[in-house]
Amino acid sequence: QVQLVESGGGLVQPGGSLRLSCVASGSIFSRSTMAWYRQAPGKERELVALINSAGTRTYGDSVKGRFTIYREIVKNAVHLQMDSLKAEDTAVYYCYLHSVGVTSWGQGTQVTVSS
């Protein structure tokens, strides 16, 4: 079982920035696909950003050019740098890991964009 611990959520004004972090337990991190999903009230969970073991990144259309996903292998961590935040980015953000035979979700961290 892989444990994912997220941090970095909070309240920010429109146009501001936040960085989310997710640290994974275990030894499979470097061989895993990592991603961030989000879920706003009354909406389905959606993909925000994904990075696979080769370092290839994929972004949701609504965050392209504003968000950046990157990983720190030595720390078993994946980060989501969020810039130019908008009110519609308000959601609970979840870290996700997938490897052969293993899938894990974090507990979620709230991001609120409001003036």
PDB file of N, CA and C in Angstrom:
ATOM      1  N   GLN A   1       0.845  -1.182   0.000  1.00  0.00           N
ATOM      2  CA  GLN A   1       0.000   0.000   0.000  1.00  0.00           C
ATOM      3  C   GLN A   1       0.885   1.238   0.000  1.00  0.00           C
ATOM      4  N   VAL A   2       0.638   2.121  -0.944  1.00  0.00           N
ATOM      5  CA  VAL A   2       1.390   3.365  -1.026  1.00  0.00           C
ATOM      6  C   VAL A   2       0.572   4.476  -0.379  1.00  0.00           C
ATOM      7  N   GLN A   3       1.181   5.211   0.505  1.00  0.00           N
ATOM      8  CA  GLN A   3       0.520   6.342   1.155  1.00  0.00           C
ATOM      9  C   GLN A   3       0.936   7.634   0.461  1.00  0.00           C
ATOM     10  N   LEU A   4      -0.040   8.500   0.216  1.00  0.00           N
ATOM     11  CA  LEU A   4       0.221   9.801  -0.393  1.00  0.00           C
ATOM     12  C   LEU A   4      -0.209  10.891   0.580  1.00  0.00           C
ATOM     13  N   VAL A   5       0.670  11.822   0.860  1.00  0.00           N
ATOM     14  CA  VAL A   5       0.371  12.916   1.781  1.00  0.00           C
ATOM     15  C   VAL A   5       0.524  14.234   1.036  1.00  0.00           C
ATOM     16  N   GLU A   6      -0.568  14.977   0.974  1.00  0.00           N
ATOM     17  CA  GLU A   6      -0.587  16.246   0.242  1.00  0.00           C
ATOM     18  C   GLU A   6      -0.431  17.422   1.201  1.00  0.00           C
ATOM     19  N   SER A   7       0.058  18.523   0.662  1.00  0.00           N
ATOM     20  CA  SER A   7       0.159  19.762   1.425  1.00  0.00           C
ATOM     21  C   SER A   7       0.158  20.937   0.459  1.00  0.00           C
ATOM     22  N   GLY A   8      -0.075  22.143   1.006  1.00  0.00           N
ATOM     23  CA  GLY A   8       0.068  23.349   0.200  1.00  0.00           C
ATOM     24  C   GLY A   8      -1.209  24.043  -0.191  1.00  0.00           C
ATOM     25  N   GLY A   9      -2.362  23.470   0.122  1.00  0.00           N
ATOM     26  CA  GLY A   9      -3.609  24.128  -0.225  1.00  0.00           C
ATOM     27  C   GLY A   9      -3.853  25.355   0.636  1.00  0.00           C
ATOM     28  N   GLY A  10      -4.891  26.108   0.296  1.00  0.00           N
ATOM     29  CA  GLY A  10      -5.224  27.279   1.087  1.00  0.00           C
ATOM     30  C   GLY A  10      -6.069  28.263   0.318  1.00  0.00           C
ATOM     31  N   LEU A  11      -6.139  29.473   0.872  1.00  0.00           N
ATOM     32  CA  LEU A  11      -6.915  30.556   0.270  1.00  0.00           C
ATOM     33  C   LEU A  11      -5.965  31.517  -0.434  1.00  0.00           C
ATOM     34  N   VAL A  12      -6.297  31.866  -1.666  1.00  0.00           N
ATOM     35  CA  VAL A  12      -5.466  32.779  -2.439  1.00  0.00           C
ATOM     36  C   VAL A  12      -6.374  33.685  -3.260  1.00  0.00           C
ATOM     37  N   GLN A  13      -5.899  34.895  -3.538  1.00  0.00           N
ATOM     38  CA  GLN A  13      -6.675  35.828  -4.346  1.00  0.00           C
ATOM     39  C   GLN A  13      -6.546  35.494  -5.834  1.00  0.00           C
ATOM     40  N   PRO A  14      -7.535  35.865  -6.623  1.00  0.00           N
ATOM     41  CA  PRO A  14      -7.418  35.674  -8.069  1.00  0.00           C
ATOM     42  C   PRO A  14      -6.140  36.309  -8.608  1.00  0.00           C
ATOM     43  N   GLY A  15      -5.468  35.577  -9.499  1.00  0.00           N
ATOM     44  CA  GLY A  15      -4.192  36.027 -10.032  1.00  0.00           C
ATOM     45  C   GLY A  15      -2.994  35.573  -9.233  1.00  0.00           C
ATOM     46  N   GLY A  16      -3.239  35.014  -8.067  1.00  0.00           N
ATOM     47  CA  GLY A  16      -2.157  34.569  -7.202  1.00  0.00           C
ATOM     48  C   GLY A  16      -1.635  33.186  -7.569  1.00  0.00           C
ATOM     49  N   SER A  17      -0.716  32.694  -6.724  1.00  0.00           N
ATOM     50  CA  SER A  17      -0.068  31.404  -6.964  1.00  0.00           C
ATOM     51  C   SER A  17      -0.089  30.538  -5.710  1.00  0.00           C
ATOM     52  N   LEU A  18      -0.070  29.250  -5.936  1.00  0.00           N
ATOM     53  CA  LEU A  18       0.075  28.264  -4.870  1.00  0.00           C
ATOM     54  C   LEU A  18       0.885  27.102  -5.425  1.00  0.00           C
ATOM     55  N   ARG A  19       1.574  26.402  -4.521  1.00  0.00           N
ATOM     56  CA  ARG A  19       2.247  25.177  -4.909  1.00  0.00           C
ATOM     57  C   ARG A  19       1.735  24.044  -4.037  1.00  0.00           C
ATOM     58  N   LEU A  20       1.218  23.010  -4.664  1.00  0.00           N
ATOM     59  CA  LEU A  20       0.804  21.804  -3.962  1.00  0.00           C
ATOM     60  C   LEU A  20       1.922  20.781  -4.025  1.00  0.00           C
ATOM     61  N   SER A  21       2.055  20.029  -2.947  1.00  0.00           N
ATOM     62  CA  SER A  21       3.071  18.975  -2.893  1.00  0.00           C
ATOM     63  C   SER A  21       2.435  17.672  -2.453  1.00  0.00           C
ATOM     64  N   CYS A  22       2.981  16.584  -2.929  1.00  0.00           N
ATOM     65  CA  CYS A  22       2.506  15.243  -2.577  1.00  0.00           C
ATOM     66  C   CYS A  22       3.729  14.356  -2.401  1.00  0.00           C
ATOM     67  N   VAL A  23       3.829  13.755  -1.226  1.00  0.00           N
ATOM     68  CA  VAL A  23       4.949  12.857  -0.934  1.00  0.00           C
ATOM     69  C   VAL A  23       4.416  11.436  -0.838  1.00  0.00           C
ATOM     70  N   ALA A  24       5.087  10.531  -1.527  1.00  0.00           N
ATOM     71  CA  ALA A  24       4.670   9.134  -1.566  1.00  0.00           C
ATOM     72  C   ALA A  24       5.591   8.259  -0.724  1.00  0.00           C
ATOM     73  N   SER A  25       5.009   7.304  -0.016  1.00  0.00           N
ATOM     74  CA  SER A  25       5.803   6.320   0.711  1.00  0.00           C
ATOM     75  C   SER A  25       6.196   5.201  -0.234  1.00  0.00           C
ATOM     76  N   GLY A  26       7.128   4.368   0.158  1.00  0.00           N
ATOM     77  CA  GLY A  26       7.473   3.209  -0.647  1.00  0.00           C
ATOM     78  C   GLY A  26       8.545   3.475  -1.689  1.00  0.00           C
ATOM     79  N   SER A  27       8.848   2.461  -2.474  1.00  0.00           N
ATOM     80  CA  SER A  27       9.995   2.519  -3.386  1.00  0.00           C
ATOM     81  C   SER A  27       9.615   2.519  -4.849  1.00  0.00           C
ATOM     82  N   ILE A  28       8.310   2.667  -5.166  1.00  0.00           N
ATOM     83  CA  ILE A  28       7.903   2.549  -6.561  1.00  0.00           C
ATOM     84  C   ILE A  28       7.711   3.917  -7.226  1.00  0.00           C
ATOM     85  N   PHE A  29       8.010   4.973  -6.491  1.00  0.00           N
ATOM     86  CA  PHE A  29       7.690   6.314  -6.979  1.00  0.00           C
ATOM     87  C   PHE A  29       8.296   6.581  -8.352  1.00  0.00           C
ATOM     88  N   SER A  30       9.574   6.228  -8.527  1.00  0.00           N
ATOM     89  CA  SER A  30      10.262   6.572  -9.770  1.00  0.00           C
ATOM     90  C   SER A  30       9.691   5.823 -10.974  1.00  0.00           C
ATOM     91  N   ARG A  31       8.959   4.728 -10.734  1.00  0.00           N
ATOM     92  CA  ARG A  31       8.393   3.942 -11.836  1.00  0.00           C
ATOM     93  C   ARG A  31       6.901   4.221 -12.024  1.00  0.00           C
ATOM     94  N   SER A  32       6.397   5.219 -11.322  1.00  0.00           N
ATOM     95  CA  SER A  32       4.959   5.464 -11.297  1.00  0.00           C
ATOM     96  C   SER A  32       4.559   6.664 -12.136  1.00  0.00           C
ATOM     97  N   THR A  33       3.315   6.624 -12.572  1.00  0.00           N
ATOM     98  CA  THR A  33       2.658   7.806 -13.123  1.00  0.00           C
ATOM     99  C   THR A  33       2.028   8.556 -11.959  1.00  0.00           C
ATOM    100  N   MET A  34       2.276   9.861 -11.902  1.00  0.00           N
ATOM    101  CA  MET A  34       1.709  10.700 -10.852  1.00  0.00           C
ATOM    102  C   MET A  34       0.794  11.737 -11.479  1.00  0.00           C
ATOM    103  N   ALA A  35      -0.233  12.111 -10.759  1.00  0.00           N
ATOM    104  CA  ALA A  35      -1.170  13.084 -11.305  1.00  0.00           C
ATOM    105  C   ALA A  35      -1.839  13.870 -10.190  1.00  0.00           C
ATOM    106  N   TRP A  36      -2.404  14.978 -10.600  1.00  0.00           N
ATOM    107  CA  TRP A  36      -3.281  15.768  -9.735  1.00  0.00           C
ATOM    108  C   TRP A  36      -4.661  15.825 -10.390  1.00  0.00           C
ATOM    109  N   TYR A  37      -5.674  15.523  -9.607  1.00  0.00           N
ATOM    110  CA  TYR A  37      -7.059  15.676 -10.010  1.00  0.00           C
ATOM    111  C   TYR A  37      -7.696  16.718  -9.096  1.00  0.00           C
ATOM    112  N   ARG A  38      -8.851  17.219  -9.503  1.00  0.00           N
ATOM    113  CA  ARG A  38      -9.592  18.127  -8.638  1.00  0.00           C
ATOM    114  C   ARG A  38     -11.085  17.871  -8.779  1.00  0.00           C
ATOM    115  N   GLN A  39     -11.781  18.235  -7.714  1.00  0.00           N
ATOM    116  CA  GLN A  39     -13.230  18.093  -7.714  1.00  0.00           C
ATOM    117  C   GLN A  39     -13.855  19.296  -7.033  1.00  0.00           C
ATOM    118  N   ALA A  40     -14.648  20.013  -7.789  1.00  0.00           N
ATOM    119  CA  ALA A  40     -15.389  21.163  -7.251  1.00  0.00           C
ATOM    120  C   ALA A  40     -16.773  20.696  -6.825  1.00  0.00           C
ATOM    121  N   PRO A  41     -17.412  21.426  -5.919  1.00  0.00           N
ATOM    122  CA  PRO A  41     -18.753  21.036  -5.451  1.00  0.00           C
ATOM    123  C   PRO A  41     -19.726  20.874  -6.611  1.00  0.00           C
ATOM    124  N   GLY A  42     -20.412  19.736  -6.635  1.00  0.00           N
ATOM    125  CA  GLY A  42     -21.402  19.480  -7.660  1.00  0.00           C
ATOM    126  C   GLY A  42     -20.852  19.078  -9.007  1.00  0.00           C
ATOM    127  N   LYS A  43     -19.529  18.902  -9.091  1.00  0.00           N
ATOM    128  CA  LYS A  43     -18.906  18.534 -10.367  1.00  0.00           C
ATOM    129  C   LYS A  43     -18.150  17.220 -10.234  1.00  0.00           C
ATOM    130  N   GLU A  44     -17.872  16.608 -11.379  1.00  0.00           N
ATOM    131  CA  GLU A  44     -17.113  15.373 -11.383  1.00  0.00           C
ATOM    132  C   GLU A  44     -15.621  15.661 -11.183  1.00  0.00           C
ATOM    133  N   ARG A  45     -14.919  14.669 -10.691  1.00  0.00           N
ATOM    134  CA  ARG A  45     -13.472  14.792 -10.543  1.00  0.00           C
ATOM    135  C   ARG A  45     -12.846  14.859 -11.932  1.00  0.00           C
ATOM    136  N   GLU A  46     -11.894  15.769 -12.106  1.00  0.00           N
ATOM    137  CA  GLU A  46     -11.266  15.949 -13.408  1.00  0.00           C
ATOM    138  C   GLU A  46      -9.749  15.959 -13.300  1.00  0.00           C
ATOM    139  N   LEU A  47      -9.108  15.539 -14.367  1.00  0.00           N
ATOM    140  CA  LEU A  47      -7.654  15.551 -14.422  1.00  0.00           C
ATOM    141  C   LEU A  47      -7.154  16.986 -14.554  1.00  0.00           C
ATOM    142  N   VAL A  48      -6.192  17.331 -13.710  1.00  0.00           N
ATOM    143  CA  VAL A  48      -5.542  18.639 -13.786  1.00  0.00           C
ATOM    144  C   VAL A  48      -4.211  18.513 -14.535  1.00  0.00           C
ATOM    145  N   ALA A  49      -3.366  17.577 -14.062  1.00  0.00           N
ATOM    146  CA  ALA A  49      -2.051  17.402 -14.673  1.00  0.00           C
ATOM    147  C   ALA A  49      -1.525  16.018 -14.351  1.00  0.00           C
ATOM    148  N   LEU A  50      -0.716  15.482 -15.249  1.00  0.00           N
ATOM    149  CA  LEU A  50      -0.177  14.138 -15.093  1.00  0.00           C
ATOM    150  C   LEU A  50       1.259  14.131 -15.583  1.00  0.00           C
ATOM    151  N   ILE A  51       2.103  13.347 -14.904  1.00  0.00           N
ATOM    152  CA  ILE A  51       3.484  13.151 -15.366  1.00  0.00           C
ATOM    153  C   ILE A  51       3.792  11.667 -15.245  1.00  0.00           C
ATOM    154  N   ASN A  52       4.282  11.069 -16.327  1.00  0.00           N
ATOM    155  CA  ASN A  52       4.568   9.639 -16.258  1.00  0.00           C
ATOM    156  C   ASN A  52       6.031   9.397 -15.886  1.00  0.00           C
ATOM    157  N   SER A  53       6.419   8.152 -15.816  1.00  0.00           N
ATOM    158  CA  SER A  53       7.762   7.804 -15.364  1.00  0.00           C
ATOM    159  C   SER A  53       8.845   8.307 -16.316  1.00  0.00           C
ATOM    160  N   ALA A  54       8.475   8.572 -17.567  1.00  0.00           N
ATOM    161  CA  ALA A  54       9.437   9.106 -18.532  1.00  0.00           C
ATOM    162  C   ALA A  54       9.523  10.631 -18.467  1.00  0.00           C
ATOM    163  N   GLY A  55       8.669  11.244 -17.672  1.00  0.00           N
ATOM    164  CA  GLY A  55       8.670  12.695 -17.545  1.00  0.00           C
ATOM    165  C   GLY A  55       7.742  13.413 -18.505  1.00  0.00           C
ATOM    166  N   THR A  56       6.958  12.675 -19.259  1.00  0.00           N
ATOM    167  CA  THR A  56       5.992  13.289 -20.177  1.00  0.00           C
ATOM    168  C   THR A  56       4.826  13.857 -19.383  1.00  0.00           C
ATOM    169  N   ARG A  57       4.459  15.088 -19.702  1.00  0.00           N
ATOM    170  CA  ARG A  57       3.392  15.792 -18.972  1.00  0.00           C
ATOM    171  C   ARG A  57       2.134  15.950 -19.816  1.00  0.00           C
ATOM    172  N   THR A  58       1.004  15.872 -19.153  1.00  0.00           N
ATOM    173  CA  THR A  58      -0.288  16.109 -19.778  1.00  0.00           C
ATOM    174  C   THR A  58      -1.077  17.045 -18.876  1.00  0.00           C
ATOM    175  N   TYR A  59      -1.756  18.026 -19.481  1.00  0.00           N
ATOM    176  CA  TYR A  59      -2.525  18.994 -18.695  1.00  0.00           C
ATOM    177  C   TYR A  59      -3.968  19.047 -19.171  1.00  0.00           C
ATOM    178  N   GLY A  60      -4.865  19.332 -18.219  1.00  0.00           N
ATOM    179  CA  GLY A  60      -6.228  19.618 -18.587  1.00  0.00           C
ATOM    180  C   GLY A  60      -6.293  20.932 -19.361  1.00  0.00           C
ATOM    181  N   ASP A  61      -7.248  21.048 -20.260  1.00  0.00           N
ATOM    182  CA  ASP A  61      -7.331  22.233 -21.123  1.00  0.00           C
ATOM    183  C   ASP A  61      -7.456  23.518 -20.317  1.00  0.00           C
ATOM    184  N   SER A  62      -8.173  23.466 -19.206  1.00  0.00           N
ATOM    185  CA  SER A  62      -8.452  24.684 -18.450  1.00  0.00           C
ATOM    186  C   SER A  62      -7.234  25.208 -17.688  1.00  0.00           C
ATOM    187  N   VAL A  63      -6.182  24.414 -17.566  1.00  0.00           N
ATOM    188  CA  VAL A  63      -5.013  24.861 -16.786  1.00  0.00           C
ATOM    189  C   VAL A  63      -3.750  24.997 -17.621  1.00  0.00           C
ATOM    190  N   LYS A  64      -3.819  24.663 -18.894  1.00  0.00           N
ATOM    191  CA  LYS A  64      -2.633  24.751 -19.754  1.00  0.00           C
ATOM    192  C   LYS A  64      -2.081  26.168 -19.764  1.00  0.00           C
ATOM    193  N   GLY A  65      -0.771  26.270 -19.598  1.00  0.00           N
ATOM    194  CA  GLY A  65      -0.118  27.567 -19.590  1.00  0.00           C
ATOM    195  C   GLY A  65      -0.108  28.242 -18.242  1.00  0.00           C
ATOM    196  N   ARG A  66      -0.852  27.707 -17.276  1.00  0.00           N
ATOM    197  CA  ARG A  66      -0.914  28.311 -15.930  1.00  0.00           C
ATOM    198  C   ARG A  66      -0.350  27.395 -14.853  1.00  0.00           C
ATOM    199  N   PHE A  67      -0.507  26.091 -15.029  1.00  0.00           N
ATOM    200  CA  PHE A  67      -0.065  25.114 -14.034  1.00  0.00           C
ATOM    201  C   PHE A  67       1.114  24.317 -14.582  1.00  0.00           C
ATOM    202  N   THR A  68       1.992  23.895 -13.656  1.00  0.00           N
ATOM    203  CA  THR A  68       3.138  23.068 -14.027  1.00  0.00           C
ATOM    204  C   THR A  68       3.282  21.932 -13.032  1.00  0.00           C
ATOM    205  N   ILE A  69       3.364  20.713 -13.552  1.00  0.00           N
ATOM    206  CA  ILE A  69       3.595  19.551 -12.688  1.00  0.00           C
ATOM    207  C   ILE A  69       5.048  19.116 -12.839  1.00  0.00           C
ATOM    208  N   TYR A  70       5.690  18.798 -11.721  1.00  0.00           N
ATOM    209  CA  TYR A  70       7.051  18.295 -11.778  1.00  0.00           C
ATOM    210  C   TYR A  70       7.299  17.407 -10.572  1.00  0.00           C
ATOM    211  N   ARG A  71       8.319  16.575 -10.701  1.00  0.00           N
ATOM    212  CA  ARG A  71       8.578  15.619  -9.620  1.00  0.00           C
ATOM    213  C   ARG A  71      10.006  15.764  -9.110  1.00  0.00           C
ATOM    214  N   GLU A  72      10.183  15.434  -7.858  1.00  0.00           N
ATOM    215  CA  GLU A  72      11.493  15.359  -7.216  1.00  0.00           C
ATOM    216  C   GLU A  72      11.715  13.901  -6.826  1.00  0.00           C
ATOM    217  N   ILE A  73      12.445  13.180  -7.657  1.00  0.00           N
ATOM    218  CA  ILE A  73      12.614  11.747  -7.442  1.00  0.00           C
ATOM    219  C   ILE A  73      13.244  11.458  -6.088  1.00  0.00           C
ATOM    220  N   VAL A  74      14.261  12.212  -5.715  1.00  0.00           N
ATOM    221  CA  VAL A  74      14.990  11.902  -4.485  1.00  0.00           C
ATOM    222  C   VAL A  74      14.125  12.090  -3.245  1.00  0.00           C
ATOM    223  N   LYS A  75      13.058  12.893  -3.363  1.00  0.00           N
ATOM    224  CA  LYS A  75      12.157  13.128  -2.235  1.00  0.00           C
ATOM    225  C   LYS A  75      10.842  12.362  -2.368  1.00  0.00           C
ATOM    226  N   ASN A  76      10.724  11.541  -3.417  1.00  0.00           N
ATOM    227  CA  ASN A  76       9.456  10.842  -3.668  1.00  0.00           C
ATOM    228  C   ASN A  76       8.283  11.822  -3.713  1.00  0.00           C
ATOM    229  N   ALA A  77       8.515  12.979  -4.303  1.00  0.00           N
ATOM    230  CA  ALA A  77       7.505  14.037  -4.281  1.00  0.00           C
ATOM    231  C   ALA A  77       7.114  14.471  -5.686  1.00  0.00           C
ATOM    232  N   VAL A  78       5.853  14.866  -5.817  1.00  0.00           N
ATOM    233  CA  VAL A  78       5.365  15.506  -7.022  1.00  0.00           C
ATOM    234  C   VAL A  78       4.712  16.818  -6.617  1.00  0.00           C
ATOM    235  N   HIS A  79       4.956  17.857  -7.397  1.00  0.00           N
ATOM    236  CA  HIS A  79       4.460  19.187  -7.076  1.00  0.00           C
ATOM    237  C   HIS A  79       3.581  19.704  -8.202  1.00  0.00           C
ATOM    238  N   LEU A  80       2.669  20.587  -7.825  1.00  0.00           N
ATOM    239  CA  LEU A  80       1.845  21.276  -8.811  1.00  0.00           C
ATOM    240  C   LEU A  80       1.978  22.773  -8.547  1.00  0.00           C
ATOM    241  N   GLN A  81       2.686  23.459  -9.422  1.00  0.00           N
ATOM    242  CA  GLN A  81       2.807  24.900  -9.325  1.00  0.00           C
ATOM    243  C   GLN A  81       1.631  25.521 -10.067  1.00  0.00           C
ATOM    244  N   MET A  82       0.838  26.303  -9.336  1.00  0.00           N
ATOM    245  CA  MET A  82      -0.375  26.894  -9.901  1.00  0.00           C
ATOM    246  C   MET A  82      -0.221  28.411  -9.911  1.00  0.00           C
ATOM    247  N   ASP A  83      -0.201  28.987 -11.090  1.00  0.00           N
ATOM    248  CA  ASP A  83      -0.080  30.431 -11.265  1.00  0.00           C
ATOM    249  C   ASP A  83      -1.339  30.995 -11.933  1.00  0.00           C
ATOM    250  N   SER A  84      -1.491  32.298 -11.832  1.00  0.00           N
ATOM    251  CA  SER A  84      -2.642  32.981 -12.453  1.00  0.00           C
ATOM    252  C   SER A  84      -3.952  32.296 -12.086  1.00  0.00           C
ATOM    253  N   LEU A  85      -4.107  32.040 -10.802  1.00  0.00           N
ATOM    254  CA  LEU A  85      -5.283  31.304 -10.338  1.00  0.00           C
ATOM    255  C   LEU A  85      -6.566  32.088 -10.565  1.00  0.00           C
ATOM    256  N   LYS A  86      -7.623  31.332 -10.856  1.00  0.00           N
ATOM    257  CA  LYS A  86      -8.937  31.898 -11.107  1.00  0.00           C
ATOM    258  C   LYS A  86      -9.937  31.318 -10.108  1.00  0.00           C
ATOM    259  N   ALA A  87     -11.073  31.993  -9.966  1.00  0.00           N
ATOM    260  CA  ALA A  87     -12.098  31.503  -9.047  1.00  0.00           C
ATOM    261  C   ALA A  87     -12.539  30.087  -9.415  1.00  0.00           C
ATOM    262  N   GLU A  88     -12.549  29.795 -10.700  1.00  0.00           N
ATOM    263  CA  GLU A  88     -12.994  28.465 -11.136  1.00  0.00           C
ATOM    264  C   GLU A  88     -11.984  27.359 -10.856  1.00  0.00           C
ATOM    265  N   ASP A  89     -10.819  27.714 -10.339  1.00  0.00           N
ATOM    266  CA  ASP A  89      -9.850  26.709  -9.900  1.00  0.00           C
ATOM    267  C   ASP A  89     -10.157  26.208  -8.486  1.00  0.00           C
ATOM    268  N   THR A  90     -11.117  26.817  -7.835  1.00  0.00           N
ATOM    269  CA  THR A  90     -11.500  26.406  -6.490  1.00  0.00           C
ATOM    270  C   THR A  90     -12.010  24.971  -6.496  1.00  0.00           C
ATOM    271  N   ALA A  91     -11.401  24.123  -5.670  1.00  0.00           N
ATOM    272  CA  ALA A  91     -11.751  22.704  -5.650  1.00  0.00           C
ATOM    273  C   ALA A  91     -10.911  22.016  -4.578  1.00  0.00           C
ATOM    274  N   VAL A  92     -11.252  20.763  -4.331  1.00  0.00           N
ATOM    275  CA  VAL A  92     -10.365  19.899  -3.563  1.00  0.00           C
ATOM    276  C   VAL A  92      -9.446  19.204  -4.572  1.00  0.00           C
ATOM    277  N   TYR A  93      -8.149  19.288  -4.318  1.00  0.00           N
ATOM    278  CA  TYR A  93      -7.151  18.722  -5.216  1.00  0.00           C
ATOM    279  C   TYR A  93      -6.615  17.421  -4.613  1.00  0.00           C
ATOM    280  N   TYR A  94      -6.555  16.397  -5.452  1.00  0.00           N
ATOM    281  CA  TYR A  94      -6.139  15.069  -5.019  1.00  0.00           C
ATOM    282  C   TYR A  94      -4.898  14.630  -5.772  1.00  0.00           C
ATOM    283  N   CYS A  95      -3.975  14.076  -5.042  1.00  0.00           N
ATOM    284  CA  CYS A  95      -2.793  13.459  -5.630  1.00  0.00           C
ATOM    285  C   CYS A  95      -3.128  12.011  -5.988  1.00  0.00           C
ATOM    286  N   TYR A  96      -2.555  11.534  -7.075  1.00  0.00           N
ATOM    287  CA  TYR A  96      -2.858  10.191  -7.583  1.00  0.00           C
ATOM    288  C   TYR A  96      -1.574   9.539  -8.052  1.00  0.00           C
ATOM    289  N   LEU A  97      -1.455   8.249  -7.733  1.00  0.00           N
ATOM    290  CA  LEU A  97      -0.298   7.452  -8.161  1.00  0.00           C
ATOM    291  C   LEU A  97      -0.782   6.185  -8.827  1.00  0.00           C
ATOM    292  N   HIS A  98      -0.147   5.829  -9.926  1.00  0.00           N
ATOM    293  CA  HIS A  98      -0.443   4.556 -10.575  1.00  0.00           C
ATOM    294  C   HIS A  98       0.848   3.893 -11.016  1.00  0.00           C
ATOM    295  N   SER A  99       0.978   2.635 -10.621  1.00  0.00           N
ATOM    296  CA  SER A  99       2.083   1.815 -11.098  1.00  0.00           C
ATOM    297  C   SER A  99       1.524   0.427 -11.358  1.00  0.00           C
ATOM    298  N   VAL A 100       2.348  -0.498 -11.774  1.00  0.00           N
ATOM    299  CA  VAL A 100       1.861  -1.849 -12.066  1.00  0.00           C
ATOM    300  C   VAL A 100       1.274  -2.457 -10.797  1.00  0.00           C
ATOM    301  N   GLY A 101      -0.018  -2.724 -10.827  1.00  0.00           N
ATOM    302  CA  GLY A 101      -0.672  -3.366  -9.703  1.00  0.00           C
ATOM    303  C   GLY A 101      -0.972  -2.470  -8.518  1.00  0.00           C
ATOM    304  N   VAL A 102      -0.677  -1.164  -8.658  1.00  0.00           N
ATOM    305  CA  VAL A 102      -0.862  -0.257  -7.523  1.00  0.00           C
ATOM    306  C   VAL A 102      -1.542   1.025  -7.993  1.00  0.00           C
ATOM    307  N   THR A 103      -2.586   1.415  -7.274  1.00  0.00           N
ATOM    308  CA  THR A 103      -3.231   2.711  -7.480  1.00  0.00           C
ATOM    309  C   THR A 103      -3.508   3.302  -6.113  1.00  0.00           C
ATOM    310  N   SER A 104      -3.224   4.582  -5.959  1.00  0.00           N
ATOM    311  CA  SER A 104      -3.432   5.204  -4.657  1.00  0.00           C
ATOM    312  C   SER A 104      -3.856   6.650  -4.831  1.00  0.00           C
ATOM    313  N   TRP A 105      -4.696   7.118  -3.902  1.00  0.00           N
ATOM    314  CA  TRP A 105      -5.165   8.502  -3.867  1.00  0.00           C
ATOM    315  C   TRP A 105      -4.753   9.142  -2.546  1.00  0.00           C
ATOM    316  N   GLY A 106      -4.477  10.423  -2.588  1.00  0.00           N
ATOM    317  CA  GLY A 106      -4.274  11.191  -1.375  1.00  0.00           C
ATOM    318  C   GLY A 106      -5.603  11.576  -0.765  1.00  0.00           C
ATOM    319  N   GLN A 107      -5.539  12.232   0.401  1.00  0.00           N
ATOM    320  CA  GLN A 107      -6.753  12.577   1.133  1.00  0.00           C
ATOM    321  C   GLN A 107      -7.404  13.845   0.601  1.00  0.00           C
ATOM    322  N   GLY A 108      -6.684  14.607  -0.208  1.00  0.00           N
ATOM    323  CA  GLY A 108      -7.225  15.840  -0.770  1.00  0.00           C
ATOM    324  C   GLY A 108      -6.804  17.065   0.016  1.00  0.00           C
ATOM    325  N   THR A 109      -6.624  18.166  -0.701  1.00  0.00           N
ATOM    326  CA  THR A 109      -6.301  19.444  -0.070  1.00  0.00           C
ATOM    327  C   THR A 109      -7.134  20.525  -0.746  1.00  0.00           C
ATOM    328  N   GLN A 110      -7.720  21.391   0.076  1.00  0.00           N
ATOM    329  CA  GLN A 110      -8.640  22.408  -0.434  1.00  0.00           C
ATOM    330  C   GLN A 110      -7.863  23.606  -0.985  1.00  0.00           C
ATOM    331  N   VAL A 111      -8.242  24.026  -2.185  1.00  0.00           N
ATOM    332  CA  VAL A 111      -7.733  25.264  -2.775  1.00  0.00           C
ATOM    333  C   VAL A 111      -8.934  26.171  -3.018  1.00  0.00           C
ATOM    334  N   THR A 112      -8.884  27.359  -2.451  1.00  0.00           N
ATOM    335  CA  THR A 112      -9.953  28.328  -2.616  1.00  0.00           C
ATOM    336  C   THR A 112      -9.376  29.608  -3.205  1.00  0.00           C
ATOM    337  N   VAL A 113      -9.929  30.036  -4.339  1.00  0.00           N
ATOM    338  CA  VAL A 113      -9.483  31.261  -5.001  1.00  0.00           C
ATOM    339  C   VAL A 113     -10.612  32.281  -4.880  1.00  0.00           C
ATOM    340  N   SER A 114     -10.365  33.293  -4.076  1.00  0.00           N
ATOM    341  CA  SER A 114     -11.409  34.267  -3.800  1.00  0.00           C
ATOM    342  C   SER A 114     -10.795  35.572  -3.320  1.00  0.00           C
ATOM    343  N   SER A 115     -11.461  36.657  -3.639  1.00  0.00           N
ATOM    344  CA  SER A 115     -11.012  37.964  -3.150  1.00  0.00           C
ATOM    345  C   SER A 115     -11.742  38.322  -1.866  1.00  0.00           C
TER     346      SER A 115
END
